[in-house]
């Protein structure tokens, strides 16, 4: 087993340019500033960034978000087990970076059990960014195209922004309106400080008549981009700033050579159920699905999560613990 420092991990990931952004050293540094700690290890061609979260009585939860990285990562298991036992982990949770789709098989090593308790959203919509802009727009729902063009016609302007305090205020408005939790200003500031200098993040702001109406953070690593954080004001929602904002985020991602744009997080249901119920369902991720579905993304459900248990008694207690308290993004 080799534990790697930040530079060594970045060198390892250079051989896997399409590794998930949650496996980057910057993400580990971010989470290490807010209640987690990170370790990075390799064995042969496989590697993983493991996050640890303190539990009561000096036990820990170990978590590999959207990893491990590399082929045949079962060779990594002895090192992972050794590390987790040294850290007094109750269990190791793995959420692989692989969609559950026909013909796509995850050869999960023995000793893991399929879990119902996720940390990251299980389902997402992934937009194909290939082709020219007209082809990308053509793959969207007609109403979404209309709303993008309406925002342009009404004079909504989208531009890069570095005002994290403004972004945080908009996040607060959105959180109160839509009843979801937001991170602290320090959290969003640290995100920006870690990813923006690497060229892997942009904060975009939509304005109308010089009023800030909506903002989002878009991330990119390799050929993929992700929409993690977004916010909007209560005023002038009729000029559709969030639609134009997403469009400009996709254009930013395309400019960096990305071919996929991950909208990140929709209800965990199959497409037939989603389409049959999105107009009636409220709360949770249903509202964002109504918005995100219009951009023409392909529904993807990640394989897993998988748990590797080291302390069966304490793990039994965990299974009755509200998993939403653990969500990491």
C-alpha atoms as a PDB file:
ATOM      1  CA  UNK A   1       0.000   0.000   0.000  1.00  0.00           C
ATOM      2  CA  UNK A   2       1.211   3.501  -0.829  1.00  0.00           C
ATOM      3  CA  UNK A   3      -0.370   6.559   0.767  1.00  0.00           C
ATOM      4  CA  UNK A   4       0.069   9.525  -1.557  1.00  0.00           C
ATOM      5  CA  UNK A   5       0.412  13.227  -0.905  1.00  0.00           C
ATOM      6  CA  UNK A   6      -1.495  15.761  -3.016  1.00  0.00           C
ATOM      7  CA  UNK A   7       1.132  16.071  -5.728  1.00  0.00           C
ATOM      8  CA  UNK A   8       1.549  12.309  -6.000  1.00  0.00           C
ATOM      9  CA  UNK A   9      -2.209  11.800  -6.240  1.00  0.00           C
ATOM     10  CA  UNK A  10      -2.485  14.434  -8.962  1.00  0.00           C
ATOM     11  CA  UNK A  11       0.311  12.661 -10.836  1.00  0.00           C
ATOM     12  CA  UNK A  12      -1.568   9.367 -10.528  1.00  0.00           C
ATOM     13  CA  UNK A  13      -4.815  10.941 -11.758  1.00  0.00           C
ATOM     14  CA  UNK A  14      -3.008  12.373 -14.791  1.00  0.00           C
ATOM     15  CA  UNK A  15      -3.161   8.840 -16.144  1.00  0.00           C
ATOM     16  CA  UNK A  16      -6.958   8.895 -15.732  1.00  0.00           C
ATOM     17  CA  UNK A  17      -8.009  12.297 -17.110  1.00  0.00           C
ATOM     18  CA  UNK A  18     -11.694  11.381 -17.003  1.00  0.00           C
ATOM     19  CA  UNK A  19     -11.765  10.454 -13.323  1.00  0.00           C
ATOM     20  CA  UNK A  20     -14.715  11.974 -11.489  1.00  0.00           C
ATOM     21  CA  UNK A  21     -14.246  15.416  -9.977  1.00  0.00           C
ATOM     22  CA  UNK A  22     -15.095  13.948  -6.544  1.00  0.00           C
ATOM     23  CA  UNK A  23     -11.885  11.929  -6.770  1.00  0.00           C
ATOM     24  CA  UNK A  24      -9.666  14.968  -7.363  1.00  0.00           C
ATOM     25  CA  UNK A  25      -7.279  16.217  -4.713  1.00  0.00           C
ATOM     26  CA  UNK A  26      -9.114  19.553  -4.674  1.00  0.00           C
ATOM     27  CA  UNK A  27     -12.324  17.815  -3.621  1.00  0.00           C
ATOM     28  CA  UNK A  28     -10.486  15.991  -0.858  1.00  0.00           C
ATOM     29  CA  UNK A  29      -9.017  19.270   0.339  1.00  0.00           C
ATOM     30  CA  UNK A  30     -12.456  20.858   0.336  1.00  0.00           C
ATOM     31  CA  UNK A  31     -14.033  18.113   2.405  1.00  0.00           C
ATOM     32  CA  UNK A  32     -11.040  18.071   4.775  1.00  0.00           C
ATOM     33  CA  UNK A  33     -11.829  21.674   5.688  1.00  0.00           C
ATOM     34  CA  UNK A  34     -15.422  20.796   6.635  1.00  0.00           C
ATOM     35  CA  UNK A  35     -15.603  17.782   8.885  1.00  0.00           C
ATOM     36  CA  UNK A  36     -13.982  15.052   6.807  1.00  0.00           C
ATOM     37  CA  UNK A  37     -10.398  13.901   6.367  1.00  0.00           C
ATOM     38  CA  UNK A  38      -8.902  12.431   3.213  1.00  0.00           C
ATOM     39  CA  UNK A  39      -6.378   9.732   2.387  1.00  0.00           C
ATOM     40  CA  UNK A  40      -5.203   8.699  -1.052  1.00  0.00           C
ATOM     41  CA  UNK A  41      -3.742   5.313  -1.834  1.00  0.00           C
ATOM     42  CA  UNK A  42      -2.746   3.225  -4.815  1.00  0.00           C
ATOM     43  CA  UNK A  43      -1.988  -0.396  -5.505  1.00  0.00           C
ATOM     44  CA  UNK A  44      -0.756  -1.164  -8.977  1.00  0.00           C
ATOM     45  CA  UNK A  45      -2.953   0.594 -11.542  1.00  0.00           C
ATOM     46  CA  UNK A  46      -5.823   1.226  -9.106  1.00  0.00           C
ATOM     47  CA  UNK A  47      -6.248   4.036  -6.628  1.00  0.00           C
ATOM     48  CA  UNK A  48      -8.811   5.730  -4.424  1.00  0.00           C
ATOM     49  CA  UNK A  49      -9.339   8.929  -2.521  1.00  0.00           C
ATOM     50  CA  UNK A  50     -11.056   7.893   0.701  1.00  0.00           C
ATOM     51  CA  UNK A  51     -12.953  10.346   2.889  1.00  0.00           C
ATOM     52  CA  UNK A  52     -13.350   9.696   6.605  1.00  0.00           C
ATOM     53  CA  UNK A  53     -16.029  11.126   8.872  1.00  0.00           C
ATOM     54  CA  UNK A  54     -15.871  10.898  12.656  1.00  0.00           C
ATOM     55  CA  UNK A  55     -18.650   8.952  14.366  1.00  0.00           C
ATOM     56  CA  UNK A  56     -19.345   8.700  18.108  1.00  0.00           C
ATOM     57  CA  UNK A  57     -16.911   6.795  20.361  1.00  0.00           C
ATOM     58  CA  UNK A  58     -13.945   7.562  18.060  1.00  0.00           C
ATOM     59  CA  UNK A  59     -15.217   5.354  15.268  1.00  0.00           C
ATOM     60  CA  UNK A  60     -15.261   6.490  11.638  1.00  0.00           C
ATOM     61  CA  UNK A  61     -17.204   6.152   8.422  1.00  0.00           C
ATOM     62  CA  UNK A  62     -15.069   5.605   5.308  1.00  0.00           C
ATOM     63  CA  UNK A  63     -16.380   6.727   1.945  1.00  0.00           C
ATOM     64  CA  UNK A  64     -15.148   6.568  -1.644  1.00  0.00           C
ATOM     65  CA  UNK A  65     -17.198   9.008  -3.754  1.00  0.00           C
ATOM     66  CA  UNK A  66     -17.436   8.081  -7.441  1.00  0.00           C
ATOM     67  CA  UNK A  67     -14.436   5.785  -7.334  1.00  0.00           C
ATOM     68  CA  UNK A  68     -12.102   3.961  -7.050  1.00  0.00           C
ATOM     69  CA  UNK A  69     -10.082   4.934 -10.083  1.00  0.00           C
ATOM     70  CA  UNK A  70      -8.486   2.505 -12.510  1.00  0.00           C
ATOM     71  CA  UNK A  71      -9.061  -1.084 -13.616  1.00  0.00           C
ATOM     72  CA  UNK A  72      -9.225  -4.204 -11.474  1.00  0.00           C
ATOM     73  CA  UNK A  73      -9.507  -2.298  -8.248  1.00  0.00           C
ATOM     74  CA  UNK A  74     -10.026  -5.482  -6.263  1.00  0.00           C
ATOM     75  CA  UNK A  75      -6.228  -5.434  -5.979  1.00  0.00           C
ATOM     76  CA  UNK A  76      -6.705  -2.324  -3.860  1.00  0.00           C
ATOM     77  CA  UNK A  77      -8.912  -4.074  -1.294  1.00  0.00           C
ATOM     78  CA  UNK A  78      -6.231  -5.369   1.094  1.00  0.00           C
ATOM     79  CA  UNK A  79      -4.802  -1.857   1.376  1.00  0.00           C
ATOM     80  CA  UNK A  80      -8.278  -0.359   1.829  1.00  0.00           C
ATOM     81  CA  UNK A  81      -9.160  -2.875   4.525  1.00  0.00           C
ATOM     82  CA  UNK A  82      -5.904  -2.210   6.343  1.00  0.00           C
ATOM     83  CA  UNK A  83      -6.421   1.550   6.236  1.00  0.00           C
ATOM     84  CA  UNK A  84     -10.070   1.358   7.330  1.00  0.00           C
ATOM     85  CA  UNK A  85      -9.309  -0.934  10.244  1.00  0.00           C
ATOM     86  CA  UNK A  86      -6.486   1.337  11.398  1.00  0.00           C
ATOM     87  CA  UNK A  87      -8.956   4.247  11.343  1.00  0.00           C
ATOM     88  CA  UNK A  88     -11.524   2.217  13.363  1.00  0.00           C
ATOM     89  CA  UNK A  89     -14.086   2.399  10.561  1.00  0.00           C
ATOM     90  CA  UNK A  90     -17.490   0.850  11.100  1.00  0.00           C
ATOM     91  CA  UNK A  91     -17.806   0.345   7.342  1.00  0.00           C
ATOM     92  CA  UNK A  92     -16.590   1.532   3.978  1.00  0.00           C
ATOM     93  CA  UNK A  93     -19.171   2.946   1.556  1.00  0.00           C
ATOM     94  CA  UNK A  94     -18.353   2.947  -2.157  1.00  0.00           C
ATOM     95  CA  UNK A  95     -20.417   4.828  -4.741  1.00  0.00           C
ATOM     96  CA  UNK A  96     -18.787   3.832  -8.065  1.00  0.00           C
ATOM     97  CA  UNK A  97     -18.478   6.123 -11.049  1.00  0.00           C
ATOM     98  CA  UNK A  98     -20.499   3.865 -13.316  1.00  0.00           C
ATOM     99  CA  UNK A  99     -24.029   4.044 -14.686  1.00  0.00           C
ATOM    100  CA  UNK A 100     -26.373   1.095 -14.271  1.00  0.00           C
ATOM    101  CA  UNK A 101     -27.179   0.473 -17.917  1.00  0.00           C
ATOM    102  CA  UNK A 102     -27.601  -2.550 -20.234  1.00  0.00           C
ATOM    103  CA  UNK A 103     -24.216  -3.971 -21.073  1.00  0.00           C
ATOM    104  CA  UNK A 104     -22.437  -2.012 -18.343  1.00  0.00           C
ATOM    105  CA  UNK A 105     -21.398  -4.365 -15.575  1.00  0.00           C
ATOM    106  CA  UNK A 106     -19.586  -3.610 -12.370  1.00  0.00           C
ATOM    107  CA  UNK A 107     -17.600  -6.607 -11.175  1.00  0.00           C
ATOM    108  CA  UNK A 108     -17.866  -5.822  -7.487  1.00  0.00           C
ATOM    109  CA  UNK A 109     -15.382  -7.756  -5.362  1.00  0.00           C
ATOM    110  CA  UNK A 110     -16.726 -10.119  -2.716  1.00  0.00           C
ATOM    111  CA  UNK A 111     -17.413  -8.839   0.765  1.00  0.00           C
ATOM    112  CA  UNK A 112     -19.587  -5.885  -0.273  1.00  0.00           C
ATOM    113  CA  UNK A 113     -23.324  -5.642   0.257  1.00  0.00           C
ATOM    114  CA  UNK A 114     -25.701  -3.498  -1.767  1.00  0.00           C
ATOM    115  CA  UNK A 115     -26.988  -0.595   0.352  1.00  0.00           C
ATOM    116  CA  UNK A 116     -30.138   1.506   0.133  1.00  0.00           C
ATOM    117  CA  UNK A 117     -28.507   4.479   1.876  1.00  0.00           C
ATOM    118  CA  UNK A 118     -26.757   6.859  -0.485  1.00  0.00           C
ATOM    119  CA  UNK A 119     -24.622   9.907   0.125  1.00  0.00           C
ATOM    120  CA  UNK A 120     -24.673  11.384  -3.377  1.00  0.00           C
ATOM    121  CA  UNK A 121     -27.838  11.330  -5.497  1.00  0.00           C
ATOM    122  CA  UNK A 122     -28.331   7.974  -7.199  1.00  0.00           C
ATOM    123  CA  UNK A 123     -29.822   9.363 -10.409  1.00  0.00           C
ATOM    124  CA  UNK A 124     -28.847  12.205 -12.641  1.00  0.00           C
ATOM    125  CA  UNK A 125     -29.424  13.537 -16.142  1.00  0.00           C
ATOM    126  CA  UNK A 126     -26.381  13.742 -18.405  1.00  0.00           C
ATOM    127  CA  UNK A 127     -26.532  16.112 -21.367  1.00  0.00           C
ATOM    128  CA  UNK A 128     -24.613  15.199 -24.515  1.00  0.00           C
ATOM    129  CA  UNK A 129     -22.610  18.289 -25.515  1.00  0.00           C
ATOM    130  CA  UNK A 130     -21.437  16.935 -28.869  1.00  0.00           C
ATOM    131  CA  UNK A 131     -22.276  18.581 -32.169  1.00  0.00           C
ATOM    132  CA  UNK A 132     -22.766  22.270 -32.752  1.00  0.00           C
ATOM    133  CA  UNK A 133     -24.945  24.521 -30.618  1.00  0.00           C
ATOM    134  CA  UNK A 134     -27.953  24.127 -32.879  1.00  0.00           C
ATOM    135  CA  UNK A 135     -27.818  20.360 -32.503  1.00  0.00           C
ATOM    136  CA  UNK A 136     -27.525  20.737 -28.731  1.00  0.00           C
ATOM    137  CA  UNK A 137     -30.557  23.032 -28.633  1.00  0.00           C
ATOM    138  CA  UNK A 138     -32.492  20.695 -30.914  1.00  0.00           C
ATOM    139  CA  UNK A 139     -32.088  17.867 -28.396  1.00  0.00           C
ATOM    140  CA  UNK A 140     -33.805  19.947 -25.702  1.00  0.00           C
ATOM    141  CA  UNK A 141     -37.530  20.148 -25.033  1.00  0.00           C
ATOM    142  CA  UNK A 142     -39.279  22.817 -27.074  1.00  0.00           C
ATOM    143  CA  UNK A 143     -40.315  24.765 -23.959  1.00  0.00           C
ATOM    144  CA  UNK A 144     -36.740  24.860 -22.689  1.00  0.00           C
ATOM    145  CA  UNK A 145     -35.470  26.212 -26.002  1.00  0.00           C
ATOM    146  CA  UNK A 146     -38.218  28.808 -25.880  1.00  0.00           C
ATOM    147  CA  UNK A 147     -37.270  29.872 -22.350  1.00  0.00           C
ATOM    148  CA  UNK A 148     -33.591  30.220 -23.269  1.00  0.00           C
ATOM    149  CA  UNK A 149     -34.471  32.439 -26.203  1.00  0.00           C
ATOM    150  CA  UNK A 150     -37.006  34.377 -24.145  1.00  0.00           C
ATOM    151  CA  UNK A 151     -34.332  35.230 -21.578  1.00  0.00           C
ATOM    152  CA  UNK A 152     -32.032  36.402 -24.376  1.00  0.00           C
ATOM    153  CA  UNK A 153     -34.805  38.464 -25.961  1.00  0.00           C
ATOM    154  CA  UNK A 154     -35.736  40.085 -22.652  1.00  0.00           C
ATOM    155  CA  UNK A 155     -32.138  41.167 -22.113  1.00  0.00           C
ATOM    156  CA  UNK A 156     -30.927  38.753 -19.437  1.00  0.00           C
ATOM    157  CA  UNK A 157     -27.126  38.797 -19.379  1.00  0.00           C
ATOM    158  CA  UNK A 158     -24.884  36.020 -18.072  1.00  0.00           C
ATOM    159  CA  UNK A 159     -21.249  36.597 -17.166  1.00  0.00           C
ATOM    160  CA  UNK A 160     -18.529  35.197 -14.903  1.00  0.00           C
ATOM    161  CA  UNK A 161     -18.571  36.519 -11.365  1.00  0.00           C
ATOM    162  CA  UNK A 162     -16.333  36.257  -8.303  1.00  0.00           C
ATOM    163  CA  UNK A 163     -18.748  37.714  -5.737  1.00  0.00           C
ATOM    164  CA  UNK A 164     -19.159  34.757  -3.376  1.00  0.00           C
ATOM    165  CA  UNK A 165     -21.152  36.820  -0.879  1.00  0.00           C
ATOM    166  CA  UNK A 166     -23.744  37.586  -3.548  1.00  0.00           C
ATOM    167  CA  UNK A 167     -23.866  33.922  -4.500  1.00  0.00           C
ATOM    168  CA  UNK A 168     -24.363  32.958  -0.855  1.00  0.00           C
ATOM    169  CA  UNK A 169     -27.228  35.451  -0.465  1.00  0.00           C
ATOM    170  CA  UNK A 170     -28.941  33.965  -3.525  1.00  0.00           C
ATOM    171  CA  UNK A 171     -28.401  30.471  -2.123  1.00  0.00           C
ATOM    172  CA  UNK A 172     -30.087  31.576   1.101  1.00  0.00           C
ATOM    173  CA  UNK A 173     -33.109  32.886  -0.817  1.00  0.00           C
ATOM    174  CA  UNK A 174     -33.378  29.645  -2.764  1.00  0.00           C
ATOM    175  CA  UNK A 175     -32.952  27.461   0.308  1.00  0.00           C
ATOM    176  CA  UNK A 176     -35.760  29.249   2.146  1.00  0.00           C
ATOM    177  CA  UNK A 177     -38.064  29.172  -0.870  1.00  0.00           C
ATOM    178  CA  UNK A 178     -37.479  25.541  -1.810  1.00  0.00           C
ATOM    179  CA  UNK A 179     -36.815  24.178   1.707  1.00  0.00           C
ATOM    180  CA  UNK A 180     -33.325  22.752   1.306  1.00  0.00           C
ATOM    181  CA  UNK A 181     -30.137  23.272   3.273  1.00  0.00           C
ATOM    182  CA  UNK A 182     -27.250  25.393   2.057  1.00  0.00           C
ATOM    183  CA  UNK A 183     -23.588  25.413   2.990  1.00  0.00           C
ATOM    184  CA  UNK A 184     -21.849  28.290   4.731  1.00  0.00           C
ATOM    185  CA  UNK A 185     -20.269  31.207   2.905  1.00  0.00           C
ATOM    186  CA  UNK A 186     -16.867  29.835   3.907  1.00  0.00           C
ATOM    187  CA  UNK A 187     -17.712  26.554   2.176  1.00  0.00           C
ATOM    188  CA  UNK A 188     -18.568  28.145  -1.167  1.00  0.00           C
ATOM    189  CA  UNK A 189     -15.554  30.437  -0.892  1.00  0.00           C
ATOM    190  CA  UNK A 190     -13.275  27.456  -0.314  1.00  0.00           C
ATOM    191  CA  UNK A 191     -14.815  25.626  -3.300  1.00  0.00           C
ATOM    192  CA  UNK A 192     -14.020  28.593  -5.508  1.00  0.00           C
ATOM    193  CA  UNK A 193     -10.495  29.015  -4.132  1.00  0.00           C
ATOM    194  CA  UNK A 194      -9.656  25.379  -4.772  1.00  0.00           C
ATOM    195  CA  UNK A 195     -11.190  24.810  -8.207  1.00  0.00           C
ATOM    196  CA  UNK A 196     -11.168  28.176  -9.980  1.00  0.00           C
ATOM    197  CA  UNK A 197      -7.352  28.556 -10.180  1.00  0.00           C
ATOM    198  CA  UNK A 198      -7.178  25.074 -11.727  1.00  0.00           C
ATOM    199  CA  UNK A 199      -9.590  26.146 -14.471  1.00  0.00           C
ATOM    200  CA  UNK A 200     -12.087  23.562 -13.213  1.00  0.00           C
ATOM    201  CA  UNK A 201     -14.811  25.849 -11.895  1.00  0.00           C
ATOM    202  CA  UNK A 202     -16.667  28.983 -12.917  1.00  0.00           C
ATOM    203  CA  UNK A 203     -19.233  31.050 -11.068  1.00  0.00           C
ATOM    204  CA  UNK A 204     -21.787  32.426 -13.532  1.00  0.00           C
ATOM    205  CA  UNK A 205     -24.258  35.202 -12.738  1.00  0.00           C
ATOM    206  CA  UNK A 206     -27.460  36.084 -14.615  1.00  0.00           C
ATOM    207  CA  UNK A 207     -28.572  39.710 -14.428  1.00  0.00           C
ATOM    208  CA  UNK A 208     -31.636  41.575 -15.652  1.00  0.00           C
ATOM    209  CA  UNK A 209     -31.732  45.359 -15.645  1.00  0.00           C
ATOM    210  CA  UNK A 210     -28.540  45.233 -13.539  1.00  0.00           C
ATOM    211  CA  UNK A 211     -30.273  43.103 -10.894  1.00  0.00           C
ATOM    212  CA  UNK A 212     -28.671  39.753  -9.958  1.00  0.00           C
ATOM    213  CA  UNK A 213     -31.316  37.088 -10.546  1.00  0.00           C
ATOM    214  CA  UNK A 214     -29.549  33.730 -10.578  1.00  0.00           C
ATOM    215  CA  UNK A 215     -26.126  32.167 -10.238  1.00  0.00           C
ATOM    216  CA  UNK A 216     -24.520  28.757 -10.472  1.00  0.00           C
ATOM    217  CA  UNK A 217     -21.190  27.013 -10.048  1.00  0.00           C
ATOM    218  CA  UNK A 218     -20.181  24.755 -12.900  1.00  0.00           C
ATOM    219  CA  UNK A 219     -17.279  22.297 -12.585  1.00  0.00           C
ATOM    220  CA  UNK A 220     -15.215  20.516 -15.217  1.00  0.00           C
ATOM    221  CA  UNK A 221     -12.606  17.780 -15.160  1.00  0.00           C
ATOM    222  CA  UNK A 222     -11.472  15.931 -18.246  1.00  0.00           C
ATOM    223  CA  UNK A 223     -14.293  15.546 -20.734  1.00  0.00           C
ATOM    224  CA  UNK A 224     -17.053  15.964 -18.125  1.00  0.00           C
ATOM    225  CA  UNK A 225     -18.735  18.933 -16.487  1.00  0.00           C
ATOM    226  CA  UNK A 226     -21.071  19.069 -13.494  1.00  0.00           C
ATOM    227  CA  UNK A 227     -23.711  21.435 -12.140  1.00  0.00           C
ATOM    228  CA  UNK A 228     -23.563  21.189  -8.348  1.00  0.00           C
ATOM    229  CA  UNK A 229     -24.758  24.488  -6.879  1.00  0.00           C
ATOM    230  CA  UNK A 230     -27.359  26.912  -8.187  1.00  0.00           C
ATOM    231  CA  UNK A 231     -29.530  29.698  -6.805  1.00  0.00           C
ATOM    232  CA  UNK A 232     -32.097  32.238  -7.940  1.00  0.00           C
ATOM    233  CA  UNK A 233     -33.896  35.294  -6.616  1.00  0.00           C
ATOM    234  CA  UNK A 234     -37.658  35.561  -6.149  1.00  0.00           C
ATOM    235  CA  UNK A 235     -37.969  38.538  -8.492  1.00  0.00           C
ATOM    236  CA  UNK A 236     -38.357  38.506 -12.294  1.00  0.00           C
ATOM    237  CA  UNK A 237     -38.567  34.752 -12.558  1.00  0.00           C
ATOM    238  CA  UNK A 238     -40.772  35.282 -15.610  1.00  0.00           C
ATOM    239  CA  UNK A 239     -37.722  36.330 -17.667  1.00  0.00           C
ATOM    240  CA  UNK A 240     -36.338  32.789 -17.239  1.00  0.00           C
ATOM    241  CA  UNK A 241     -32.775  33.595 -16.067  1.00  0.00           C
ATOM    242  CA  UNK A 242     -32.053  30.052 -14.849  1.00  0.00           C
ATOM    243  CA  UNK A 243     -32.582  28.593 -18.331  1.00  0.00           C
ATOM    244  CA  UNK A 244     -30.129  30.962 -19.959  1.00  0.00           C
ATOM    245  CA  UNK A 245     -27.732  30.387 -17.067  1.00  0.00           C
ATOM    246  CA  UNK A 246     -27.674  26.635 -17.690  1.00  0.00           C
ATOM    247  CA  UNK A 247     -27.206  27.208 -21.397  1.00  0.00           C
ATOM    248  CA  UNK A 248     -24.198  29.442 -20.773  1.00  0.00           C
ATOM    249  CA  UNK A 249     -22.769  26.878 -18.331  1.00  0.00           C
ATOM    250  CA  UNK A 250     -23.003  24.271 -21.087  1.00  0.00           C
ATOM    251  CA  UNK A 251     -21.298  26.631 -23.502  1.00  0.00           C
ATOM    252  CA  UNK A 252     -18.525  27.200 -20.949  1.00  0.00           C
ATOM    253  CA  UNK A 253     -18.100  23.442 -20.586  1.00  0.00           C
ATOM    254  CA  UNK A 254     -17.980  22.972 -24.364  1.00  0.00           C
ATOM    255  CA  UNK A 255     -15.309  25.672 -24.530  1.00  0.00           C
ATOM    256  CA  UNK A 256     -13.182  23.564 -22.195  1.00  0.00           C
ATOM    257  CA  UNK A 257     -13.566  20.524 -24.433  1.00  0.00           C
ATOM    258  CA  UNK A 258     -16.202  18.755 -22.340  1.00  0.00           C
ATOM    259  CA  UNK A 259     -18.558  16.352 -24.094  1.00  0.00           C
ATOM    260  CA  UNK A 260     -20.909  15.686 -21.131  1.00  0.00           C
ATOM    261  CA  UNK A 261     -22.758  17.955 -18.728  1.00  0.00           C
ATOM    262  CA  UNK A 262     -24.032  16.281 -15.583  1.00  0.00           C
ATOM    263  CA  UNK A 263     -27.097  18.031 -14.112  1.00  0.00           C
ATOM    264  CA  UNK A 264     -26.587  16.119 -10.839  1.00  0.00           C
ATOM    265  CA  UNK A 265     -29.521  14.887  -8.897  1.00  0.00           C
ATOM    266  CA  UNK A 266     -33.090  13.896  -9.805  1.00  0.00           C
ATOM    267  CA  UNK A 267     -35.571  11.611  -7.985  1.00  0.00           C
ATOM    268  CA  UNK A 268     -34.503   7.983  -7.780  1.00  0.00           C
ATOM    269  CA  UNK A 269     -37.163   6.554 -10.072  1.00  0.00           C
ATOM    270  CA  UNK A 270     -37.190   5.095 -13.556  1.00  0.00           C
ATOM    271  CA  UNK A 271     -37.918   7.326 -16.530  1.00  0.00           C
ATOM    272  CA  UNK A 272     -41.498   6.091 -16.958  1.00  0.00           C
ATOM    273  CA  UNK A 273     -42.306   6.914 -13.332  1.00  0.00           C
ATOM    274  CA  UNK A 274     -40.603  10.290 -13.536  1.00  0.00           C
ATOM    275  CA  UNK A 275     -42.442  11.315 -16.669  1.00  0.00           C
ATOM    276  CA  UNK A 276     -45.795  10.104 -15.339  1.00  0.00           C
ATOM    277  CA  UNK A 277     -45.518  11.983 -12.041  1.00  0.00           C
ATOM    278  CA  UNK A 278     -43.340  15.079 -12.366  1.00  0.00           C
ATOM    279  CA  UNK A 279     -46.263  17.452 -12.949  1.00  0.00           C
ATOM    280  CA  UNK A 280     -48.085  16.339  -9.789  1.00  0.00           C
ATOM    281  CA  UNK A 281     -45.242  15.575  -7.372  1.00  0.00           C
ATOM    282  CA  UNK A 282     -43.809  18.305  -5.189  1.00  0.00           C
ATOM    283  CA  UNK A 283     -40.931  18.487  -2.757  1.00  0.00           C
ATOM    284  CA  UNK A 284     -37.572  16.768  -2.720  1.00  0.00           C
ATOM    285  CA  UNK A 285     -35.934  16.566  -6.146  1.00  0.00           C
ATOM    286  CA  UNK A 286     -39.197  16.584  -8.111  1.00  0.00           C
ATOM    287  CA  UNK A 287     -39.101  20.326  -8.629  1.00  0.00           C
ATOM    288  CA  UNK A 288     -35.587  20.237 -10.027  1.00  0.00           C
ATOM    289  CA  UNK A 289     -36.525  17.318 -12.279  1.00  0.00           C
ATOM    290  CA  UNK A 290     -39.262  19.434 -13.862  1.00  0.00           C
ATOM    291  CA  UNK A 291     -36.578  21.990 -14.671  1.00  0.00           C
ATOM    292  CA  UNK A 292     -33.702  19.687 -15.615  1.00  0.00           C
ATOM    293  CA  UNK A 293     -35.642  17.305 -17.877  1.00  0.00           C
ATOM    294  CA  UNK A 294     -36.032  20.011 -20.484  1.00  0.00           C
ATOM    295  CA  UNK A 295     -32.325  20.117 -21.322  1.00  0.00           C
ATOM    296  CA  UNK A 296     -32.448  16.760 -23.068  1.00  0.00           C
ATOM    297  CA  UNK A 297     -30.234  14.737 -20.769  1.00  0.00           C
ATOM    298  CA  UNK A 298     -30.011  10.953 -20.575  1.00  0.00           C
ATOM    299  CA  UNK A 299     -31.184   9.450 -17.293  1.00  0.00           C
ATOM    300  CA  UNK A 300     -28.400   7.611 -15.487  1.00  0.00           C
ATOM    301  CA  UNK A 301     -28.499   5.658 -12.224  1.00  0.00           C
ATOM    302  CA  UNK A 302     -25.167   4.947 -10.568  1.00  0.00           C
ATOM    303  CA  UNK A 303     -24.350   1.373  -9.639  1.00  0.00           C
ATOM    304  CA  UNK A 304     -24.403   0.894  -5.892  1.00  0.00           C
ATOM    305  CA  UNK A 305     -23.869   2.129  -3.275  1.00  0.00           C
ATOM    306  CA  UNK A 306     -21.943  -0.754  -1.773  1.00  0.00           C
ATOM    307  CA  UNK A 307     -20.959  -1.187   1.873  1.00  0.00           C
ATOM    308  CA  UNK A 308     -18.047  -3.201   3.251  1.00  0.00           C
ATOM    309  CA  UNK A 309     -18.719  -3.819   6.936  1.00  0.00           C
ATOM    310  CA  UNK A 310     -16.028  -3.997   9.612  1.00  0.00           C
ATOM    311  CA  UNK A 311     -18.226  -3.696  12.720  1.00  0.00           C
ATOM    312  CA  UNK A 312     -21.598  -5.438  12.174  1.00  0.00           C
ATOM    313  CA  UNK A 313     -23.155  -4.279  15.461  1.00  0.00           C
ATOM    314  CA  UNK A 314     -22.469  -0.589  14.937  1.00  0.00           C
ATOM    315  CA  UNK A 315     -23.335  -0.914  11.262  1.00  0.00           C
ATOM    316  CA  UNK A 316     -26.802  -2.115  12.274  1.00  0.00           C
ATOM    317  CA  UNK A 317     -27.272   1.150  14.184  1.00  0.00           C
ATOM    318  CA  UNK A 318     -26.139   3.150  11.173  1.00  0.00           C
ATOM    319  CA  UNK A 319     -28.790   1.574   8.957  1.00  0.00           C
ATOM    320  CA  UNK A 320     -31.485   3.194  11.112  1.00  0.00           C
ATOM    321  CA  UNK A 321     -29.730   6.555  11.104  1.00  0.00           C
ATOM    322  CA  UNK A 322     -31.179   9.122   8.713  1.00  0.00           C
ATOM    323  CA  UNK A 323     -28.784   8.927   5.758  1.00  0.00           C
ATOM    324  CA  UNK A 324     -29.635  12.461   4.651  1.00  0.00           C
ATOM    325  CA  UNK A 325     -27.497  13.744   7.510  1.00  0.00           C
ATOM    326  CA  UNK A 326     -24.477  12.389   5.672  1.00  0.00           C
ATOM    327  CA  UNK A 327     -24.952  14.057   2.316  1.00  0.00           C
ATOM    328  CA  UNK A 328     -21.643  15.544   1.344  1.00  0.00           C
ATOM    329  CA  UNK A 329     -22.023  17.962  -1.559  1.00  0.00           C
END
